[in-house]
C-alpha atoms as a PDB file:
ATOM      1  CA  MET A   1      -2.718  -2.685  13.903  1.00  0.00           C
ATOM      2  CA  LYS A   2      -1.957  -4.204  10.766  1.00  0.00           C
ATOM      3  CA  SER A   3      -4.424  -4.755   8.263  1.00  0.00           C
ATOM      4  CA  ILE A   4      -4.824  -7.514   5.648  1.00  0.00           C
ATOM      5  CA  LEU A   5      -7.026  -6.586   2.131  1.00  0.00           C
ATOM      6  CA  VAL A   6      -8.904  -8.797   0.244  1.00  0.00           C
ATOM      7  CA  ALA A   7     -10.829  -8.869  -2.592  1.00  0.00           C
ATOM      8  CA  THR A   8     -13.361 -11.454  -3.579  1.00  0.00           C
ATOM      9  CA  ASP A   9     -16.400 -12.165  -5.858  1.00  0.00           C
ATOM     10  CA  PHE A  10     -17.480 -15.463  -3.998  1.00  0.00           C
ATOM     11  CA  SER A  11     -16.077 -17.764  -6.522  1.00  0.00           C
ATOM     12  CA  PHE A  12     -14.311 -20.475  -5.261  1.00  0.00           C
ATOM     13  CA  ALA A  13     -10.784 -19.978  -5.996  1.00  0.00           C
ATOM     14  CA  ALA A  14     -12.266 -16.344  -4.705  1.00  0.00           C
ATOM     15  CA  VAL A  15     -13.013 -17.833  -1.908  1.00  0.00           C
ATOM     16  CA  ASN A  16      -9.666 -20.054  -1.181  1.00  0.00           C
ATOM     17  CA  ALA A  17      -8.046 -16.534  -1.243  1.00  0.00           C
ATOM     18  CA  VAL A  18     -10.247 -15.199   1.561  1.00  0.00           C
ATOM     19  CA  ASN A  19      -9.364 -18.445   3.846  1.00  0.00           C
ATOM     20  CA  TYR A  20      -5.959 -18.056   3.106  1.00  0.00           C
ATOM     21  CA  ALA A  21      -5.988 -14.338   3.688  1.00  0.00           C
ATOM     22  CA  ALA A  22      -7.413 -14.957   7.238  1.00  0.00           C
ATOM     23  CA  ASP A  23      -4.742 -17.501   8.302  1.00  0.00           C
ATOM     24  CA  MET A  24      -1.873 -15.467   7.303  1.00  0.00           C
ATOM     25  CA  ALA A  25      -3.953 -12.812   9.468  1.00  0.00           C
ATOM     26  CA  LYS A  26      -4.320 -14.452  12.282  1.00  0.00           C
ATOM     27  CA  ALA A  27      -0.762 -15.680  12.334  1.00  0.00           C
ATOM     28  CA  LEU A  28       0.056 -12.032  11.945  1.00  0.00           C
ATOM     29  CA  GLY A  29      -1.924 -10.863  14.507  1.00  0.00           C
ATOM     30  CA  ALA A  30      -3.346  -8.684  12.321  1.00  0.00           C
ATOM     31  CA  GLU A  31      -6.819  -7.793  10.994  1.00  0.00           C
ATOM     32  CA  LEU A  32      -9.029  -8.951   8.086  1.00  0.00           C
ATOM     33  CA  VAL A  33     -10.668  -6.654   5.520  1.00  0.00           C
ATOM     34  CA  ILE A  34     -13.087  -8.346   3.146  1.00  0.00           C
ATOM     35  CA  LEU A  35     -13.536  -6.201  -0.313  1.00  0.00           C
ATOM     36  CA  HIS A  36     -16.658  -7.472  -2.539  1.00  0.00           C
ATOM     37  CA  VAL A  37     -16.953  -4.790  -5.711  1.00  0.00           C
ATOM     38  CA  TYR A  38     -20.447  -5.330  -8.315  1.00  0.00           C
ATOM     39  CA  THR A  39     -20.174  -3.516 -11.383  1.00  0.00           C
ATOM     40  CA  ILE A  40     -23.462  -2.424 -12.872  1.00  0.00           C
ATOM     41  CA  PRO A  41     -22.514  -3.521 -17.216  1.00  0.00           C
ATOM     42  CA  VAL A  42     -22.638  -0.903 -19.856  1.00  0.00           C
ATOM     43  CA  GLY A  43     -25.923  -1.520 -20.993  1.00  0.00           C
ATOM     44  CA  PHE A  44     -27.943  -1.602 -17.753  1.00  0.00           C
ATOM     45  CA  ASN A  45     -29.884   1.670 -19.141  1.00  0.00           C
ATOM     46  CA  GLU A  46     -30.536  -0.310 -21.622  1.00  0.00           C
ATOM     47  CA  ALA A  47     -32.226  -3.346 -19.922  1.00  0.00           C
ATOM     48  CA  PRO A  48     -33.555  -2.149 -16.692  1.00  0.00           C
ATOM     49  CA  VAL A  49     -36.534  -4.855 -15.760  1.00  0.00           C
ATOM     50  CA  MET A  50     -33.395  -7.935 -16.447  1.00  0.00           C
ATOM     51  CA  ILE A  51     -30.622  -6.240 -14.421  1.00  0.00           C
ATOM     52  CA  ASN A  52     -31.534  -5.026 -10.229  1.00  0.00           C
ATOM     53  CA  PRO A  53     -28.307  -3.838  -8.096  1.00  0.00           C
ATOM     54  CA  GLN A  54     -29.735  -3.555  -5.398  1.00  0.00           C
ATOM     55  CA  GLU A  55     -30.683  -7.681  -5.470  1.00  0.00           C
ATOM     56  CA  TRP A  56     -27.513  -8.089  -6.330  1.00  0.00           C
ATOM     57  CA  ARG A  57     -25.979  -5.814  -3.390  1.00  0.00           C
ATOM     58  CA  LYS A  58     -28.367  -7.900  -1.143  1.00  0.00           C
ATOM     59  CA  ASP A  59     -27.766 -10.894  -2.735  1.00  0.00           C
ATOM     60  CA  ALA A  60     -23.577 -10.151  -2.008  1.00  0.00           C
ATOM     61  CA  GLU A  61     -25.046  -8.883   1.814  1.00  0.00           C
ATOM     62  CA  VAL A  62     -26.386 -12.601   2.007  1.00  0.00           C
ATOM     63  CA  ASP A  63     -22.891 -14.213   0.466  1.00  0.00           C
ATOM     64  CA  ILE A  64     -20.312 -11.473   2.486  1.00  0.00           C
ATOM     65  CA  ALA A  65     -21.816 -12.267   5.726  1.00  0.00           C
ATOM     66  CA  ARG A  66     -22.005 -16.079   5.361  1.00  0.00           C
ATOM     67  CA  LEU A  67     -18.788 -16.036   4.770  1.00  0.00           C
ATOM     68  CA  LYS A  68     -17.327 -13.586   8.469  1.00  0.00           C
ATOM     69  CA  SER A  69     -19.024 -16.268   9.632  1.00  0.00           C
ATOM     70  CA  GLU A  70     -17.356 -19.096   8.283  1.00  0.00           C
ATOM     71  CA  LEU A  71     -14.047 -17.167   9.313  1.00  0.00           C
ATOM     72  CA  GLY A  72     -14.769 -16.403  12.113  1.00  0.00           C
ATOM     73  CA  LEU A  73     -15.111 -20.260  13.350  1.00  0.00           C
ATOM     74  CA  ARG A  74     -12.066 -21.064  10.516  1.00  0.00           C
ATOM     75  CA  THR A  75      -9.481 -18.372  13.141  1.00  0.00           C
ATOM     76  CA  ASP A  76     -11.502 -18.806  16.403  1.00  0.00           C
ATOM     77  CA  HIS A  77     -12.639 -15.785  16.396  1.00  0.00           C
ATOM     78  CA  LYS A  78      -8.964 -14.429  17.443  1.00  0.00           C
ATOM     79  CA  VAL A  79      -9.073 -12.209  13.760  1.00  0.00           C
ATOM     80  CA  THR A  80     -10.682  -8.901  13.745  1.00  0.00           C
ATOM     81  CA  ILE A  81     -12.867  -9.504  10.225  1.00  0.00           C
ATOM     82  CA  HIS A  82     -14.126  -5.749   8.360  1.00  0.00           C
ATOM     83  CA  THR A  83     -16.423  -6.089   5.528  1.00  0.00           C
ATOM     84  CA  GLU A  84     -17.260  -3.919   2.332  1.00  0.00           C
ATOM     85  CA  ILE A  85     -19.402  -3.900  -0.527  1.00  0.00           C
ATOM     86  CA  VAL A  86     -19.058  -1.284  -2.904  1.00  0.00           C
ATOM     87  CA  MET A  87     -20.173  -1.153  -6.553  1.00  0.00           C
ATOM     88  CA  GLY A  88     -18.122   0.614  -9.385  1.00  0.00           C
ATOM     89  CA  MET A  89     -14.672  -0.588 -11.342  1.00  0.00           C
ATOM     90  CA  PHE A  90     -12.836  -2.779  -9.718  1.00  0.00           C
ATOM     91  CA  PHE A  91      -9.336  -1.535  -9.778  1.00  0.00           C
ATOM     92  CA  GLN A  92     -10.822   1.962  -8.670  1.00  0.00           C
ATOM     93  CA  GLU A  93     -12.771   0.405  -5.433  1.00  0.00           C
ATOM     94  CA  LEU A  94      -9.985  -1.515  -4.590  1.00  0.00           C
ATOM     95  CA  LYS A  95      -6.989   1.204  -4.729  1.00  0.00           C
ATOM     96  CA  LEU A  96      -9.506   3.550  -2.697  1.00  0.00           C
ATOM     97  CA  ALA A  97     -10.086   0.184  -0.272  1.00  0.00           C
ATOM     98  CA  CYS A  98      -6.014   0.576   0.275  1.00  0.00           C
ATOM     99  CA  GLU A  99      -6.023   4.161   0.472  1.00  0.00           C
ATOM    100  CA  ASN A 100      -9.001   4.407   3.215  1.00  0.00           C
ATOM    101  CA  ASN A 101      -6.752   0.729   5.127  1.00  0.00           C
ATOM    102  CA  GLN A 102      -3.060   1.385   4.550  1.00  0.00           C
ATOM    103  CA  PRO A 103      -2.718  -2.722   4.357  1.00  0.00           C
ATOM    104  CA  TYR A 104       0.263  -4.760   5.206  1.00  0.00           C
ATOM    105  CA  VAL A 105      -0.614  -6.535   1.861  1.00  0.00           C
ATOM    106  CA  VAL A 106      -3.417  -6.957  -0.426  1.00  0.00           C
ATOM    107  CA  VAL A 107      -4.700 -10.708  -1.580  1.00  0.00           C
ATOM    108  CA  MET A 108      -6.428 -11.716  -4.595  1.00  0.00           C
ATOM    109  CA  GLY A 109      -6.911 -15.227  -6.298  1.00  0.00           C
ATOM    110  CA  SER A 110      -4.942 -15.929  -9.008  1.00  0.00           C
ATOM    111  CA  GLN A 111      -7.045 -17.444 -11.779  1.00  0.00           C
ATOM    112  CA  GLY A 112     -10.772 -19.171 -11.693  1.00  0.00           C
ATOM    113  CA  THR A 113     -11.843 -22.440 -12.434  1.00  0.00           C
ATOM    114  CA  THR A 114     -14.188 -21.887 -14.416  1.00  0.00           C
ATOM    115  CA  LYS A 115     -12.759 -20.320 -18.330  1.00  0.00           C
ATOM    116  CA  ALA A 116     -14.650 -16.947 -17.170  1.00  0.00           C
ATOM    117  CA  GLU A 117     -13.314 -16.715 -13.828  1.00  0.00           C
ATOM    118  CA  ARG A 118      -9.210 -17.134 -15.467  1.00  0.00           C
ATOM    119  CA  ILE A 119     -10.662 -14.106 -17.789  1.00  0.00           C
ATOM    120  CA  LEU A 120     -11.722 -12.331 -15.112  1.00  0.00           C
ATOM    121  CA  PHE A 121      -9.305 -13.404 -12.119  1.00  0.00           C
ATOM    122  CA  GLY A 122      -6.356 -12.941 -14.982  1.00  0.00           C
ATOM    123  CA  GLY A 123      -7.149  -9.662 -15.981  1.00  0.00           C
ATOM    124  CA  HIS A 124      -7.952  -8.252 -12.602  1.00  0.00           C
ATOM    125  CA  THR A 125      -4.582  -9.714 -11.129  1.00  0.00           C
ATOM    126  CA  VAL A 126      -2.183  -8.538 -13.238  1.00  0.00           C
ATOM    127  CA  TYR A 127      -3.893  -5.249 -13.756  1.00  0.00           C
ATOM    128  CA  ALA A 128      -3.348  -4.884 -10.190  1.00  0.00           C
ATOM    129  CA  MET A 129       0.142  -6.706  -9.669  1.00  0.00           C
ATOM    130  CA  LYS A 130       1.195  -3.960 -12.641  1.00  0.00           C
ATOM    131  CA  HIS A 131      -0.237  -1.128 -10.873  1.00  0.00           C
ATOM    132  CA  LEU A 132      -1.349  -0.859  -7.447  1.00  0.00           C
ATOM    133  CA  GLU A 133       1.220   0.540  -5.147  1.00  0.00           C
ATOM    134  CA  TYR A 134       0.402  -1.719  -2.251  1.00  0.00           C
ATOM    135  CA  SER A 135       2.084  -5.060  -1.958  1.00  0.00           C
ATOM    136  CA  LEU A 136      -0.216  -7.817  -3.270  1.00  0.00           C
ATOM    137  CA  ILE A 137      -0.273 -11.489  -3.129  1.00  0.00           C
ATOM    138  CA  THR A 138      -1.993 -13.778  -5.513  1.00  0.00           C
ATOM    139  CA  VAL A 139      -2.845 -17.095  -4.237  1.00  0.00           C
ATOM    140  CA  PRO A 140      -3.381 -20.225  -6.720  1.00  0.00           C
ATOM    141  CA  PRO A 141      -6.493 -21.828  -6.230  1.00  0.00           C
ATOM    142  CA  ASP A 142      -5.739 -24.907  -4.052  1.00  0.00           C
ATOM    143  CA  ALA A 143      -2.680 -22.935  -2.289  1.00  0.00           C
ATOM    144  CA  GLN A 144      -2.958 -23.033   2.047  1.00  0.00           C
ATOM    145  CA  PHE A 145      -1.485 -20.288   4.127  1.00  0.00           C
ATOM    146  CA  ASP A 146       1.254 -22.506   5.773  1.00  0.00           C
ATOM    147  CA  SER A 147       3.497 -19.043   7.241  1.00  0.00           C
ATOM    148  CA  PHE A 148       6.734 -18.624   4.320  1.00  0.00           C
ATOM    149  CA  LYS A 149       9.383 -20.589   5.660  1.00  0.00           C
ATOM    150  CA  ASN A 150      11.279 -20.003   2.501  1.00  0.00           C
ATOM    151  CA  ILE A 151      10.590 -16.889   0.304  1.00  0.00           C
ATOM    152  CA  VAL A 152      12.573 -16.351  -3.062  1.00  0.00           C
ATOM    153  CA  MET A 153      12.909 -12.926  -4.720  1.00  0.00           C
ATOM    154  CA  ALA A 154      13.271 -13.022  -8.281  1.00  0.00           C
ATOM    155  CA  CYS A 155      15.810 -10.161  -9.675  1.00  0.00           C
ATOM    156  CA  ASP A 156      17.789  -9.552 -12.374  1.00  0.00           C
ATOM    157  CA  PHE A 157      20.064  -6.775 -10.433  1.00  0.00           C
ATOM    158  CA  GLU A 158      20.161  -3.921 -12.452  1.00  0.00           C
ATOM    159  CA  ASP A 159      20.146  -0.678 -10.415  1.00  0.00           C
ATOM    160  CA  ILE A 160      19.809  -2.728  -6.900  1.00  0.00           C
ATOM    161  CA  ALA A 161      19.243   0.369  -5.166  1.00  0.00           C
ATOM    162  CA  ASP A 162      16.413   1.550  -7.115  1.00  0.00           C
ATOM    163  CA  ALA A 163      14.734  -1.551  -7.428  1.00  0.00           C
ATOM    164  CA  VAL A 164      14.711  -3.239  -4.459  1.00  0.00           C
ATOM    165  CA  PRO A 165      12.125  -2.327  -1.817  1.00  0.00           C
ATOM    166  CA  VAL A 166      14.917  -3.573   1.223  1.00  0.00           C
ATOM    167  CA  GLU A 167      12.856  -2.083   4.572  1.00  0.00           C
ATOM    168  CA  GLU A 168      10.158  -3.681   2.797  1.00  0.00           C
ATOM    169  CA  LEU A 169      11.818  -7.019   2.284  1.00  0.00           C
ATOM    170  CA  LYS A 170      12.765  -6.880   5.900  1.00  0.00           C
ATOM    171  CA  LYS A 171       9.944  -6.516   7.324  1.00  0.00           C
ATOM    172  CA  LEU A 172       7.858  -9.166   5.760  1.00  0.00           C
ATOM    173  CA  THR A 173      10.972 -11.664   6.347  1.00  0.00           C
ATOM    174  CA  ASN A 174      11.575 -10.582  10.097  1.00  0.00           C
ATOM    175  CA  ASP A 175       7.736 -11.010  10.174  1.00  0.00           C
ATOM    176  CA  PHE A 176       7.871 -13.891   9.280  1.00  0.00           C
ATOM    177  CA  ASN A 177      11.004 -15.965   9.980  1.00  0.00           C
ATOM    178  CA  SER A 178      11.447 -15.858   6.810  1.00  0.00           C
ATOM    179  CA  LYS A 179      14.685 -18.090   4.819  1.00  0.00           C
ATOM    180  CA  LEU A 180      15.419 -16.000   1.965  1.00  0.00           C
ATOM    181  CA  HIS A 181      16.302 -16.395  -1.358  1.00  0.00           C
ATOM    182  CA  ILE A 182      17.378 -14.731  -4.744  1.00  0.00           C
ATOM    183  CA  VAL A 183      17.581 -15.508  -7.590  1.00  0.00           C
ATOM    184  CA  ASN A 184      19.703 -13.927 -10.726  1.00  0.00           C
ATOM    185  CA  THR A 185      17.013 -14.328 -13.838  1.00  0.00           C
ATOM    186  CA  GLY A 186      19.519 -12.566 -16.123  1.00  0.00           C
ATOM    187  CA  ASN A 187      21.894 -14.362 -18.603  1.00  0.00           C
ATOM    188  CA  ILE A 188      25.085 -14.887 -17.134  1.00  0.00           C
ATOM    189  CA  ASP A 189      26.419 -17.689 -19.779  1.00  0.00           C
ATOM    190  CA  SER A 190      29.006 -14.468 -19.862  1.00  0.00           C
ATOM    191  CA  TYR A 191      31.008 -12.550 -17.006  1.00  0.00           C
ATOM    192  CA  ASP A 192      28.691  -9.541 -16.520  1.00  0.00           C
ATOM    193  CA  PRO A 193      30.233  -6.849 -14.172  1.00  0.00           C
ATOM    194  CA  ALA A 194      26.908  -5.687 -13.624  1.00  0.00           C
ATOM    195  CA  ILE A 195      25.667  -8.601 -12.038  1.00  0.00           C
ATOM    196  CA  VAL A 196      28.879  -8.978  -9.677  1.00  0.00           C
ATOM    197  CA  SER A 197      28.714  -5.694  -8.284  1.00  0.00           C
ATOM    198  CA  GLY A 198      24.767  -5.783  -8.120  1.00  0.00           C
ATOM    199  CA  THR A 199      24.935  -9.122  -5.768  1.00  0.00           C
ATOM    200  CA  ALA A 200      27.710  -7.482  -3.852  1.00  0.00           C
ATOM    201  CA  LEU A 201      25.214  -4.892  -3.488  1.00  0.00           C
ATOM    202  CA  LEU A 202      22.817  -6.451  -2.642  1.00  0.00           C
ATOM    203  CA  GLN A 203      23.795  -9.052  -0.109  1.00  0.00           C
ATOM    204  CA  ASN A 204      25.604  -5.781   1.836  1.00  0.00           C
ATOM    205  CA  MET A 205      21.930  -4.339   1.880  1.00  0.00           C
ATOM    206  CA  LEU A 206      20.169  -7.564   3.045  1.00  0.00           C
ATOM    207  CA  ASP A 207      23.659  -8.794   5.431  1.00  0.00           C
ATOM    208  CA  SER A 208      21.590  -8.700   8.324  1.00  0.00           C
ATOM    209  CA  LEU A 209      19.023 -11.738   6.451  1.00  0.00           C
ATOM    210  CA  HIS A 210      21.411 -13.703   5.370  1.00  0.00           C
ATOM    211  CA  PRO A 211      20.054 -14.665   2.528  1.00  0.00           C
ATOM    212  CA  SER A 212      21.500 -17.268  -0.265  1.00  0.00           C
ATOM    213  CA  PHE A 213      22.139 -16.235  -3.777  1.00  0.00           C
ATOM    214  CA  HIS A 214      21.331 -18.893  -7.231  1.00  0.00           C
ATOM    215  CA  PHE A 215      21.671 -18.375 -10.178  1.00  0.00           C
ATOM    216  CA  ILE A 216      18.797 -19.790 -13.134  1.00  0.00           C
ATOM    217  CA  THR A 217      20.315 -20.329 -16.532  1.00  0.00           C
ATOM    218  CA  SER A 218      16.985 -21.919 -17.925  1.00  0.00           C
ATOM    219  CA  GLU A 219      16.267 -20.132 -21.171  1.00  0.00           C
ATOM    220  CA  HIS A 220      12.588 -19.612 -20.412  1.00  0.00           C
ATOM    221  CA  ILE A 221      12.780 -17.531 -16.898  1.00  0.00           C
ATOM    222  CA  GLU A 222       8.808 -18.465 -16.136  1.00  0.00           C
ATOM    223  CA  GLU A 223      10.535 -22.252 -16.770  1.00  0.00           C
ATOM    224  CA  GLY A 224      12.986 -21.765 -14.411  1.00  0.00           C
ATOM    225  CA  ILE A 225      12.101 -20.235 -11.425  1.00  0.00           C
ATOM    226  CA  MET A 226       9.111 -22.538 -11.236  1.00  0.00           C
ATOM    227  CA  HIS A 227      11.218 -25.229 -11.128  1.00  0.00           C
ATOM    228  CA  PHE A 228      13.832 -23.425  -8.476  1.00  0.00           C
ATOM    229  CA  THR A 229      10.565 -23.467  -6.444  1.00  0.00           C
ATOM    230  CA  GLU A 230       9.582 -26.797  -6.313  1.00  0.00           C
ATOM    231  CA  GLN A 231      13.117 -27.917  -5.658  1.00  0.00           C
ATOM    232  CA  HIS A 232      13.706 -24.983  -2.610  1.00  0.00           C
ATOM    233  CA  LYS A 233       9.657 -25.950  -1.272  1.00  0.00           C
ATOM    234  CA  ILE A 234       9.497 -22.444  -1.722  1.00  0.00           C
ATOM    235  CA  ASP A 235       6.230 -20.836   0.174  1.00  0.00           C
ATOM    236  CA  LEU A 236       6.478 -17.129  -1.919  1.00  0.00           C
ATOM    237  CA  LEU A 237       7.537 -15.959  -5.001  1.00  0.00           C
ATOM    238  CA  ILE A 238       8.643 -12.076  -4.782  1.00  0.00           C
ATOM    239  CA  VAL A 239       8.505 -10.624  -8.116  1.00  0.00           C
ATOM    240  CA  LEU A 240       9.408  -6.315  -8.399  1.00  0.00           C
ATOM    241  CA  PRO A 241       6.937  -4.370 -10.164  1.00  0.00           C
ATOM    242  CA  LYS A 242       9.350  -1.341 -10.591  1.00  0.00           C
ATOM    243  CA  ARG A 243      11.704  -4.193 -12.780  1.00  0.00           C
ATOM    244  CA  HIS A 244       9.512  -3.774 -15.536  1.00  0.00           C
ATOM    245  CA  THR A 245      11.780  -5.700 -17.982  1.00  0.00           C
ATOM    246  CA  LEU A 246      11.370  -8.932 -15.350  1.00  0.00           C
ATOM    247  CA  LEU A 247       7.907  -8.280 -14.860  1.00  0.00           C
ATOM    248  CA  GLU A 248       6.731  -7.497 -18.342  1.00  0.00           C
ATOM    249  CA  ARG A 249       8.213 -11.000 -19.363  1.00  0.00           C
ATOM    250  CA  LEU A 250       6.881 -12.835 -16.495  1.00  0.00           C
ATOM    251  CA  ILE A 251       2.822 -11.615 -17.455  1.00  0.00           C
ATOM    252  CA  HIS A 252       3.128 -10.558 -21.094  1.00  0.00           C
ATOM    253  CA  ARG A 253       3.307 -14.370 -22.689  1.00  0.00           C
ATOM    254  CA  SER A 254       0.217 -16.044 -23.857  1.00  0.00           C
ATOM    255  CA  HIS A 255      -2.198 -16.806 -21.050  1.00  0.00           C
ATOM    256  CA  THR A 256      -1.503 -19.846 -20.416  1.00  0.00           C
ATOM    257  CA  LYS A 257       2.072 -18.649 -19.764  1.00  0.00           C
ATOM    258  CA  GLN A 258       2.234 -16.355 -17.095  1.00  0.00           C
ATOM    259  CA  LEU A 259       3.721 -17.349 -14.255  1.00  0.00           C
ATOM    260  CA  VAL A 260       1.497 -14.608 -12.335  1.00  0.00           C
ATOM    261  CA  LEU A 261      -1.807 -16.600 -13.328  1.00  0.00           C
ATOM    262  CA  HIS A 262       0.102 -20.397 -13.182  1.00  0.00           C
ATOM    263  CA  SER A 263       2.439 -20.464  -9.968  1.00  0.00           C
ATOM    264  CA  HIS A 264       1.758 -23.430  -7.765  1.00  0.00           C
ATOM    265  CA  VAL A 265       2.760 -20.892  -5.114  1.00  0.00           C
ATOM    266  CA  PRO A 266       1.336 -17.569  -4.332  1.00  0.00           C
ATOM    267  CA  VAL A 267       3.157 -14.513  -5.826  1.00  0.00           C
ATOM    268  CA  MET A 268       4.171 -11.146  -3.938  1.00  0.00           C
ATOM    269  CA  SER A 269       4.578  -8.270  -5.933  1.00  0.00           C
ATOM    270  CA  LEU A 270       6.351  -5.900  -3.306  1.00  0.00           C
ATOM    271  CA  HIS A 271       6.341  -2.219  -3.654  1.00  0.00           C
ATOM    272  CA  GLN A 272       8.281  -0.029  -1.925  1.00  0.00           C
END
């Protein structure tokens, strides 16, 4: 059976991501795995009286049990829910949990509501999007799952055969009966044979999905993409981690301009 893995620290934004994952699991007929990772500060040995990891774990067990109970009601007890609480470094434990569970997709909150949460979520999310070799959906704090009626994939149309995970894209689109849009984020001010051939190749590769092709001419790619998602009522934006040039442009900006942290729609890094 498919499983969805969601990481949480029990903050408001993280719990919203858990709710999103639970609703998605119910729609997909998948199991849900909730992961909480707690990390002991570097200075723990210098202040053993002030920090008690056993108390942290007990608190986490109470929080995750309550969350599991709430999700049972939310999903009408139609989703099998597993919970994992581990101590360690976040990314390493997330990667290990993925290796053990082989999830259909990983879900994380894109950012928190407080300044501290934004820094924490932002750091974990951006790093995971770049380095985790599993498909990952980042969920905005106010997003709610309502299927994926319209999906858009942002692509620069370079090295199409190696960059686009065709089978994964087909699986996702077919699982949710989605309409697929593809936006070219390259410069089309002048004729570019690579874009023309890339478009033809991709259209042939995804012919069974009948995708719609679009071109963004905005000088600022992230703004152009966000305008497109609003205009076409997009439910999920897909970026391709193998396309490092595009991904770097989307996340290596100032904190306030990072697309994955400030998109109003969930962003998915899709891996082969």
